[in-house]
């Protein structure tokens, strides 16, 4: 199952239009009224990676299989969602199921598209959504902490760890700060924080939806969001959902020419996916052969057996070693055979930390 990113935001900011463009489907209804997305729409997006095409060409692979990133288009949130306003309860439940948040912000002026607050101010919109998530987390901890404290007093070691980190989070939330700013003192507290499944622990990517004329350079609204994001250690990218929707209807051969004509070198999809990858701390490794060239996703710091497990669960358990070639060596030398002859094929064991771009062949027991 791919890593899943929830597309969130206030109503009418372009969430569903962006989702449709990203997944190249019309699965999400894009309409100019609140709550047109009532059930979360889910789609998996192939992650564009030009390295995969180069590897496949060298190996003469019959098939190319990209790794995937999942997107979930979630119903628009309004002020008071933490108390159930609008579709707040559904919004909060659906966002808990995601690994990260892509927060779409309206950064365009258009009198024909209604704004729920009657003005365009993406920074305030971001604060509205973040506040609702913090209030929901605070309410959750208000219920949980007394019960955990009671267990801790009775000598429950796990509860003591939970109380220590969640009390720190509770204090942050009361100060109007998200749970992701908490600082666990050790892996036990870090695990307890992850298991708490708080909404504001999820990493956030701000997606500035601008008008078509600002797609290449942004505008004053996206600049304000970038400044805000930099101040809290977050990421922001500029896209035009309208342009992305148009590109999605084109033949692949026509897209490059169109992008160049409007001053863009890549699609918004590529920028959003790359930023989401970076946000989640993900890297790509490859398996290459005559039948197929395939990309796989693992977390930065993953070891060879974990990478093997992405290919097949049994491979992690029965891992023996990984024959590994760096991407640059594979391409420069012209494939596995020449790389091996040049001494660039390495036999790596269980402690090997996978590097981005590694071309791997996993050896495992029966």
Protein backbone atom coordinates (compact mmCIF):
# COMPACT_ATOMS: atom_id res chain seq x y z
CA UNK A 1 0.00 0.00 0.00
CA UNK A 2 1.54 3.35 -1.02
CA UNK A 3 2.27 6.21 1.33
CA UNK A 4 -0.91 8.29 1.49
CA UNK A 5 -1.12 12.08 1.44
CA UNK A 6 -4.39 13.77 2.40
CA UNK A 7 -5.36 16.80 0.31
CA UNK A 8 -7.06 19.20 2.72
CA UNK A 9 -8.19 22.81 2.86
CA UNK A 10 -11.18 25.08 3.12
CA UNK A 11 -14.01 24.63 0.60
CA UNK A 12 -13.50 26.05 -2.91
CA UNK A 13 -9.72 26.34 -2.80
CA UNK A 14 -9.14 23.90 -5.69
CA UNK A 15 -8.61 20.64 -3.76
CA UNK A 16 -10.74 18.46 -6.00
CA UNK A 17 -9.49 20.11 -9.18
CA UNK A 18 -5.94 19.39 -8.08
CA UNK A 19 -6.82 15.83 -7.11
CA UNK A 20 -8.43 15.23 -10.50
CA UNK A 21 -5.35 16.56 -12.23
CA UNK A 22 -2.93 14.58 -10.10
CA UNK A 23 -4.71 11.30 -10.64
CA UNK A 24 -5.77 12.12 -14.21
CA UNK A 25 -9.33 11.14 -13.41
CA UNK A 26 -12.66 12.83 -12.90
CA UNK A 27 -13.29 10.76 -9.78
CA UNK A 28 -13.72 13.83 -7.59
CA UNK A 29 -16.53 16.20 -8.48
CA UNK A 30 -15.14 19.73 -8.81
CA UNK A 31 -17.99 22.18 -8.18
CA UNK A 32 -18.29 25.72 -6.90
CA UNK A 33 -20.05 25.05 -3.62
CA UNK A 34 -18.94 23.76 -0.21
CA UNK A 35 -18.81 20.06 0.60
CA UNK A 36 -19.03 18.78 -2.99
CA UNK A 37 -16.50 16.18 -1.83
CA UNK A 38 -18.44 14.22 0.77
CA UNK A 39 -16.66 10.88 0.66
CA UNK A 40 -12.87 10.89 0.45
CA UNK A 41 -11.69 10.19 -3.08
CA UNK A 42 -8.61 8.03 -3.23
CA UNK A 43 -6.13 7.70 -6.07
CA UNK A 44 -2.62 6.40 -6.55
CA UNK A 45 -0.22 8.50 -8.60
CA UNK A 46 2.83 7.14 -10.42
CA UNK A 47 5.89 9.03 -9.18
CA UNK A 48 7.72 10.53 -12.17
CA UNK A 49 11.41 9.64 -12.13
CA UNK A 50 13.52 10.08 -15.28
CA UNK A 51 16.17 7.76 -13.82
CA UNK A 52 13.83 4.81 -14.29
CA UNK A 53 13.56 5.44 -18.05
CA UNK A 54 17.36 5.54 -18.37
CA UNK A 55 17.77 2.28 -16.46
CA UNK A 56 15.10 0.57 -18.55
CA UNK A 57 16.73 1.72 -21.79
CA UNK A 58 20.11 0.34 -20.74
CA UNK A 59 18.68 -3.00 -19.58
CA UNK A 60 16.22 -3.15 -22.51
CA UNK A 61 13.43 -3.81 -20.00
CA UNK A 62 10.10 -4.84 -21.51
CA UNK A 63 8.10 -3.04 -18.84
CA UNK A 64 8.53 0.06 -16.63
CA UNK A 65 6.77 0.19 -13.26
CA UNK A 66 6.95 3.43 -11.29
CA UNK A 67 6.60 3.60 -7.53
CA UNK A 68 3.38 5.22 -6.34
CA UNK A 69 2.21 7.91 -3.98
CA UNK A 70 -1.39 7.83 -2.77
CA UNK A 71 -3.58 10.93 -2.59
CA UNK A 72 -6.86 11.25 -0.72
CA UNK A 73 -9.16 14.18 -1.50
CA UNK A 74 -10.86 15.00 1.80
CA UNK A 75 -14.03 17.06 2.34
CA UNK A 76 -13.46 20.79 2.88
CA UNK A 77 -12.97 21.93 6.45
CA UNK A 78 -14.61 25.01 7.98
CA UNK A 79 -14.11 26.91 11.22
CA UNK A 80 -15.63 24.85 14.04
CA UNK A 81 -14.78 21.49 12.45
CA UNK A 82 -13.28 20.28 15.73
CA UNK A 83 -16.77 20.65 17.19
CA UNK A 84 -18.43 18.93 14.26
CA UNK A 85 -19.28 21.98 12.14
CA UNK A 86 -19.74 21.35 8.42
CA UNK A 87 -18.35 17.91 7.74
CA UNK A 88 -15.82 18.26 10.53
CA UNK A 89 -16.18 14.81 12.04
CA UNK A 90 -15.66 13.12 8.67
CA UNK A 91 -12.75 15.41 7.86
CA UNK A 92 -10.95 14.61 11.11
CA UNK A 93 -11.58 10.87 10.85
CA UNK A 94 -10.34 10.71 7.25
CA UNK A 95 -7.21 12.75 7.88
CA UNK A 96 -6.13 10.37 10.64
CA UNK A 97 -5.73 7.67 7.99
CA UNK A 98 -3.09 9.64 6.06
CA UNK A 99 0.70 9.85 6.47
CA UNK A 100 1.03 13.53 5.60
CA UNK A 101 -1.09 16.55 4.73
CA UNK A 102 -1.02 18.51 1.48
CA UNK A 103 -2.79 21.70 2.53
CA UNK A 104 -4.17 23.46 -0.55
CA UNK A 105 -4.47 27.22 -0.12
CA UNK A 106 -6.36 29.58 -2.37
CA UNK A 107 -3.82 32.05 -3.72
CA UNK A 108 -5.88 33.45 -6.60
CA UNK A 109 -8.46 36.20 -6.97
CA UNK A 110 -11.68 35.27 -8.75
CA UNK A 111 -15.04 36.90 -8.00
CA UNK A 112 -16.81 33.96 -9.66
CA UNK A 113 -15.47 31.45 -7.11
CA UNK A 114 -16.96 31.81 -3.64
CA UNK A 115 -14.66 32.01 -0.61
CA UNK A 116 -16.26 30.82 2.64
CA UNK A 117 -14.79 33.80 4.53
CA UNK A 118 -15.49 36.33 1.79
CA UNK A 119 -11.82 37.23 1.24
CA UNK A 120 -8.56 35.76 -0.11
CA UNK A 121 -6.00 35.39 2.68
CA UNK A 122 -4.18 32.04 2.45
CA UNK A 123 -2.15 32.59 5.63
CA UNK A 124 -5.32 33.06 7.67
CA UNK A 125 -6.84 30.04 5.92
CA UNK A 126 -3.82 27.95 6.92
CA UNK A 127 -4.16 29.13 10.50
CA UNK A 128 -7.88 28.25 10.51
CA UNK A 129 -7.24 24.65 9.49
CA UNK A 130 -4.23 24.25 11.82
CA UNK A 131 -6.26 25.65 14.73
CA UNK A 132 -9.08 23.19 14.14
CA UNK A 133 -6.61 20.29 14.06
CA UNK A 134 -4.96 21.51 17.28
CA UNK A 135 -8.34 21.86 19.01
CA UNK A 136 -9.25 18.31 17.97
CA UNK A 137 -5.92 17.01 19.36
CA UNK A 138 -6.39 18.97 22.58
CA UNK A 139 -9.86 17.52 23.08
CA UNK A 140 -8.48 14.03 22.46
CA UNK A 141 -5.70 14.46 25.03
CA UNK A 142 -8.07 15.99 27.59
CA UNK A 143 -9.91 12.66 27.51
CA UNK A 144 -6.88 10.38 27.35
CA UNK A 145 -4.39 11.88 29.78
CA UNK A 146 -6.40 11.40 33.03
CA UNK A 147 -6.82 7.69 32.25
CA UNK A 148 -3.14 7.30 31.37
CA UNK A 149 -2.07 9.18 34.50
CA UNK A 150 -4.11 6.78 36.62
CA UNK A 151 -2.43 3.77 34.98
CA UNK A 152 0.99 5.38 35.44
CA UNK A 153 0.35 5.86 39.16
CA UNK A 154 -0.46 2.15 39.38
CA UNK A 155 2.99 1.34 37.96
CA UNK A 156 2.22 0.83 34.26
CA UNK A 157 5.57 1.54 32.56
CA UNK A 158 4.07 2.10 29.10
CA UNK A 159 1.56 4.55 30.54
CA UNK A 160 4.37 6.48 32.24
CA UNK A 161 6.11 6.95 28.89
CA UNK A 162 2.86 8.04 27.26
CA UNK A 163 2.10 10.53 30.02
CA UNK A 164 5.58 12.05 29.77
CA UNK A 165 5.43 12.81 26.04
CA UNK A 166 1.71 13.52 25.76
CA UNK A 167 1.84 15.98 28.68
CA UNK A 168 4.51 17.86 26.73
CA UNK A 169 2.25 17.81 23.66
CA UNK A 170 -0.73 18.98 25.71
CA UNK A 171 1.25 21.98 26.93
CA UNK A 172 2.25 22.85 23.35
CA UNK A 173 -1.35 22.65 22.14
CA UNK A 174 -2.50 24.91 24.94
CA UNK A 175 0.05 27.44 23.69
CA UNK A 176 -1.35 27.19 20.17
CA UNK A 177 1.55 25.08 18.89
CA UNK A 178 1.20 21.79 16.96
CA UNK A 179 2.22 18.39 18.32
CA UNK A 180 4.93 18.03 15.65
CA UNK A 181 7.05 20.48 17.70
CA UNK A 182 7.27 18.01 20.59
CA UNK A 183 10.75 16.68 21.41
CA UNK A 184 10.70 13.03 22.57
CA UNK A 185 13.73 12.25 24.74
CA UNK A 186 14.16 8.70 23.41
CA UNK A 187 12.74 6.12 20.98
CA UNK A 188 10.16 4.96 23.53
CA UNK A 189 8.62 8.42 23.73
CA UNK A 190 8.88 8.84 19.94
CA UNK A 191 6.98 5.57 19.47
CA UNK A 192 4.34 6.61 22.01
CA UNK A 193 3.86 9.88 20.15
CA UNK A 194 3.44 8.09 16.81
CA UNK A 195 0.96 5.64 18.31
CA UNK A 196 -1.14 8.52 19.67
CA UNK A 197 -2.12 9.32 16.04
CA UNK A 198 -2.53 13.03 16.70
CA UNK A 199 -3.51 15.15 13.74
CA UNK A 200 -0.87 17.83 14.24
CA UNK A 201 2.02 15.37 14.30
CA UNK A 202 1.53 14.83 10.58
CA UNK A 203 4.01 16.70 8.34
CA UNK A 204 2.41 19.47 6.25
CA UNK A 205 3.09 20.61 2.70
CA UNK A 206 1.42 23.87 1.68
CA UNK A 207 0.21 23.83 -1.93
CA UNK A 208 -0.37 27.37 -3.21
CA UNK A 209 -3.06 27.25 -5.90
CA UNK A 210 -2.45 30.29 -8.09
CA UNK A 211 -4.04 31.65 -11.27
CA UNK A 212 -2.57 30.49 -14.59
CA UNK A 213 -0.54 33.67 -15.15
CA UNK A 214 1.33 33.12 -11.85
CA UNK A 215 2.07 29.41 -12.30
CA UNK A 216 5.76 29.96 -13.11
CA UNK A 217 6.70 32.61 -10.54
CA UNK A 218 3.89 32.74 -7.97
CA UNK A 219 2.20 35.90 -6.67
CA UNK A 220 1.91 37.99 -3.52
CA UNK A 221 -0.32 35.40 -1.86
CA UNK A 222 2.03 32.47 -2.51
CA UNK A 223 4.97 34.60 -1.33
CA UNK A 224 3.16 35.22 1.97
CA UNK A 225 2.60 31.46 2.36
CA UNK A 226 6.26 30.70 1.58
CA UNK A 227 7.32 33.18 4.26
CA UNK A 228 4.94 31.61 6.78
CA UNK A 229 6.10 28.09 5.90
CA UNK A 230 9.76 29.03 6.26
CA UNK A 231 9.04 30.44 9.70
CA UNK A 232 7.66 27.13 10.98
CA UNK A 233 10.05 24.81 9.12
CA UNK A 234 7.40 23.66 6.60
CA UNK A 235 7.48 23.38 2.80
CA UNK A 236 5.44 25.26 0.19
CA UNK A 237 5.04 24.69 -3.56
CA UNK A 238 3.25 26.74 -6.21
CA UNK A 239 0.85 25.09 -8.67
CA UNK A 240 -2.03 26.14 -10.85
CA UNK A 241 -4.75 23.53 -10.48
CA UNK A 242 -6.39 24.89 -13.65
CA UNK A 243 -3.22 24.31 -15.67
CA UNK A 244 -2.72 20.87 -14.15
CA UNK A 245 -6.28 19.95 -15.09
CA UNK A 246 -5.61 21.04 -18.68
CA UNK A 247 -2.32 19.13 -18.86
CA UNK A 248 -4.04 15.99 -17.59
CA UNK A 249 -6.23 15.93 -20.72
CA UNK A 250 -3.26 16.19 -23.13
CA UNK A 251 -1.33 13.48 -24.87
CA UNK A 252 2.05 12.94 -23.15
CA UNK A 253 3.91 14.10 -26.26
CA UNK A 254 2.13 17.48 -26.18
CA UNK A 255 2.73 18.25 -22.52
CA UNK A 256 6.40 19.27 -22.74
CA UNK A 257 5.72 21.79 -25.53
CA UNK A 258 2.78 23.25 -23.60
CA UNK A 259 4.79 23.58 -20.39
CA UNK A 260 7.65 25.34 -22.16
CA UNK A 261 5.20 27.74 -23.80
CA UNK A 262 3.96 28.93 -20.40
CA UNK A 263 7.41 29.09 -18.82
CA UNK A 264 7.34 25.82 -16.86
CA UNK A 265 9.88 23.00 -17.01
CA UNK A 266 7.81 20.37 -15.19
CA UNK A 267 4.23 19.73 -14.09
CA UNK A 268 2.83 20.67 -10.72
CA UNK A 269 2.51 16.93 -10.10
CA UNK A 270 6.27 16.55 -10.24
CA UNK A 271 6.78 19.44 -7.81
CA UNK A 272 4.11 18.23 -5.37
CA UNK A 273 5.38 14.63 -5.43
CA UNK A 274 9.02 15.65 -5.00
CA UNK A 275 8.11 17.96 -2.11
CA UNK A 276 5.94 15.26 -0.52
CA UNK A 277 8.79 12.74 -0.85
CA UNK A 278 11.17 15.16 0.81
CA UNK A 279 8.63 15.97 3.52
CA UNK A 280 8.15 12.30 4.37
CA UNK A 281 11.85 11.45 4.23
CA UNK A 282 11.47 8.96 1.37
CA UNK A 283 14.01 7.68 -1.15
CA UNK A 284 13.81 5.46 -4.23
CA UNK A 285 15.73 2.30 -5.11
CA UNK A 286 15.42 0.25 -8.28
CA UNK A 287 15.29 -3.34 -9.49
CA UNK A 288 16.26 -3.71 -13.15
CA UNK A 289 16.19 -6.61 -15.59
CA UNK A 290 15.08 -7.61 -19.09
CA UNK A 291 11.49 -8.22 -17.96
CA UNK A 292 10.96 -5.00 -16.04
CA UNK A 293 12.60 -1.93 -14.51
CA UNK A 294 10.86 -0.98 -11.29
CA UNK A 295 11.09 1.79 -8.70
CA UNK A 296 10.47 1.17 -4.99
CA UNK A 297 10.05 3.52 -2.03
CA UNK A 298 11.65 3.27 1.42
CA UNK A 299 12.30 5.68 4.27
CA UNK A 300 15.69 7.37 4.46
CA UNK A 301 17.85 5.25 6.74
CA UNK A 302 16.17 1.98 5.77
CA UNK A 303 18.46 -1.04 5.73
CA UNK A 304 18.74 -3.62 2.97
CA UNK A 305 16.36 -6.18 4.56
CA UNK A 306 13.66 -3.49 4.84
CA UNK A 307 14.10 -2.68 1.17
CA UNK A 308 13.81 -6.39 0.41
CA UNK A 309 10.57 -6.43 2.39
CA UNK A 310 9.08 -3.78 0.10
CA UNK A 311 9.50 -6.22 -2.79
CA UNK A 312 8.05 -9.17 -0.88
CA UNK A 313 7.45 -9.71 2.84
CA UNK A 314 9.26 -13.05 2.83
CA UNK A 315 12.38 -11.45 1.36
CA UNK A 316 12.94 -9.43 4.53
CA UNK A 317 12.68 -12.51 6.74
CA UNK A 318 14.87 -14.66 4.48
CA UNK A 319 17.30 -11.93 3.41
CA UNK A 320 20.85 -13.12 2.64
CA UNK A 321 22.46 -10.15 0.88
CA UNK A 322 21.85 -7.41 -1.67
CA UNK A 323 23.93 -7.02 -4.80
CA UNK A 324 24.02 -3.26 -5.22
CA UNK A 325 25.16 -0.80 -7.89
CA UNK A 326 24.93 2.98 -7.49
CA UNK A 327 22.69 4.60 -10.10
CA UNK A 328 25.50 6.78 -11.48
CA UNK A 329 27.78 3.75 -11.92
CA UNK A 330 25.04 1.71 -13.62
CA UNK A 331 24.34 4.50 -16.14
CA UNK A 332 27.93 5.61 -16.72
CA UNK A 333 29.27 2.10 -17.22
CA UNK A 334 26.31 0.86 -19.26
CA UNK A 335 24.55 -1.73 -17.12
CA UNK A 336 25.02 -4.52 -14.61
CA UNK A 337 27.65 -6.52 -16.52
CA UNK A 338 30.05 -3.64 -17.16
CA UNK A 339 29.52 -2.34 -13.62
CA UNK A 340 30.40 -5.75 -12.22
CA UNK A 341 33.51 -5.97 -14.42
CA UNK A 342 34.59 -2.56 -13.15
CA UNK A 343 34.21 -3.65 -9.52
CA UNK A 344 31.19 -1.42 -8.91
CA UNK A 345 28.80 -4.20 -7.92
CA UNK A 346 28.86 -4.56 -4.12
CA UNK A 347 27.62 -7.39 -1.92
CA UNK A 348 25.85 -5.69 1.00
CA UNK A 349 24.62 -7.36 4.19
CA UNK A 350 21.87 -6.76 6.72
CA UNK A 351 23.37 -3.55 8.11
CA UNK A 352 23.67 -1.77 4.76
CA UNK A 353 21.75 1.54 4.66
CA UNK A 354 20.05 1.93 1.28
CA UNK A 355 21.07 5.00 -0.72
CA UNK A 356 18.75 6.91 -3.04
CA UNK A 357 19.09 5.52 -6.57
CA UNK A 358 20.61 2.17 -5.62
CA UNK A 359 20.05 -0.56 -8.21
CA UNK A 360 19.57 -3.71 -6.15
CA UNK A 361 19.26 -7.44 -6.66
CA UNK A 362 18.04 -9.21 -3.50
CA UNK A 363 19.29 -12.68 -2.64
CA UNK A 364 17.12 -14.58 -0.18
CA UNK A 365 16.58 -18.03 1.22
CA UNK A 366 13.90 -20.40 0.00
